[in-house]
């Protein structure tokens, strides 16, 4: 599954265009490497999203093309959430 679609379907970000913009600006990492919007996401991957002064790292537990709002949180588990200082 594409990274931008996964972030939207899992409801980590609200819109796919926001996911794409963050990835285009090198603010999304998959397993510690900068990711593009079309990067492939697989179960077990660690995704780090940096937005504003917040950094969220999640582990992918499931990839589904569609999900209900109630089930979206089961697609990932939060590994780390922290504030980061801007340079």
Protein backbone atom coordinates (compact mmCIF):
# COMPACT_ATOMS: atom_id res chain seq x y z
CA UNK A 1 0.00 0.00 0.00
CA UNK A 2 1.24 3.51 -0.80
CA UNK A 3 2.48 5.58 2.14
CA UNK A 4 0.19 8.54 1.50
CA UNK A 5 -2.87 6.30 1.29
CA UNK A 6 -1.91 4.33 4.42
CA UNK A 7 -1.55 7.48 6.53
CA UNK A 8 -5.02 8.62 5.41
CA UNK A 9 -6.79 5.24 5.74
CA UNK A 10 -5.25 4.67 9.21
CA UNK A 11 -6.39 8.20 10.08
CA UNK A 12 -2.94 9.26 11.25
CA UNK A 13 -3.42 12.26 8.95
CA UNK A 14 -6.75 13.60 7.74
CA UNK A 15 -6.09 13.95 4.03
CA UNK A 16 -3.99 12.11 1.48
CA UNK A 17 -2.73 15.43 0.10
CA UNK A 18 -1.39 16.35 3.55
CA UNK A 19 0.39 12.98 3.68
CA UNK A 20 1.87 13.64 0.24
CA UNK A 21 3.05 17.14 1.20
CA UNK A 22 4.76 15.91 4.37
CA UNK A 23 6.53 13.15 2.45
CA UNK A 24 7.55 15.58 -0.30
CA UNK A 25 9.16 17.78 2.38
CA UNK A 26 11.09 14.82 3.87
CA UNK A 27 9.06 14.77 7.10
CA UNK A 28 8.04 11.10 6.85
CA UNK A 29 10.42 8.19 7.44
CA UNK A 30 9.92 4.47 6.92
CA UNK A 31 12.31 2.35 8.99
CA UNK A 32 14.56 5.38 9.49
CA UNK A 33 14.84 6.32 5.81
CA UNK A 34 13.21 9.30 4.10
CA UNK A 35 10.11 8.13 2.26
CA UNK A 36 8.31 9.33 -0.84
CA UNK A 37 4.49 9.43 -1.06
CA UNK A 38 4.48 6.32 -3.28
CA UNK A 39 6.76 4.30 -0.98
CA UNK A 40 5.42 0.85 -0.14
CA UNK A 41 4.19 0.26 3.43
CA UNK A 42 4.25 -3.28 4.82
CA UNK A 43 3.24 -4.87 8.12
CA UNK A 44 6.01 -4.42 10.68
CA UNK A 45 7.38 -1.18 9.21
CA UNK A 46 8.13 1.75 11.53
CA UNK A 47 6.71 5.02 10.21
CA UNK A 48 7.86 8.32 11.71
CA UNK A 49 5.85 11.45 10.92
CA UNK A 50 7.13 14.89 11.92
CA UNK A 51 4.49 17.59 11.93
CA UNK A 52 4.97 20.89 13.67
CA UNK A 53 6.92 20.26 16.85
CA UNK A 54 5.55 16.74 17.23
CA UNK A 55 7.11 13.48 16.14
CA UNK A 56 4.99 10.35 16.01
CA UNK A 57 6.44 6.88 15.43
CA UNK A 58 4.07 3.98 14.77
CA UNK A 59 4.47 0.32 13.87
CA UNK A 60 2.24 -0.93 11.05
CA UNK A 61 0.11 -3.86 12.24
CA UNK A 62 -2.27 -4.09 9.28
CA UNK A 63 -2.73 -2.69 5.79
CA UNK A 64 -6.27 -2.45 4.48
CA UNK A 65 -7.56 -0.54 1.46
CA UNK A 66 -10.56 0.74 3.42
CA UNK A 67 -11.46 0.83 7.08
CA UNK A 68 -14.12 2.22 9.33
CA UNK A 69 -13.31 5.03 11.70
CA UNK A 70 -13.69 2.72 14.71
CA UNK A 71 -11.23 0.18 13.27
CA UNK A 72 -8.57 2.61 12.02
CA UNK A 73 -6.60 2.59 15.30
CA UNK A 74 -6.07 -1.18 14.97
CA UNK A 75 -3.94 -0.62 11.84
CA UNK A 76 -0.99 0.64 13.88
CA UNK A 77 0.47 0.81 17.37
CA UNK A 78 2.14 3.94 18.72
CA UNK A 79 5.80 3.28 19.50
CA UNK A 80 6.83 6.81 20.46
CA UNK A 81 5.36 10.28 20.55
CA UNK A 82 7.48 13.26 21.48
CA UNK A 83 8.04 16.95 20.98
CA UNK A 84 10.98 18.04 18.87
CA UNK A 85 12.77 21.36 18.74
CA UNK A 86 12.88 23.08 15.40
CA UNK A 87 16.31 23.94 14.05
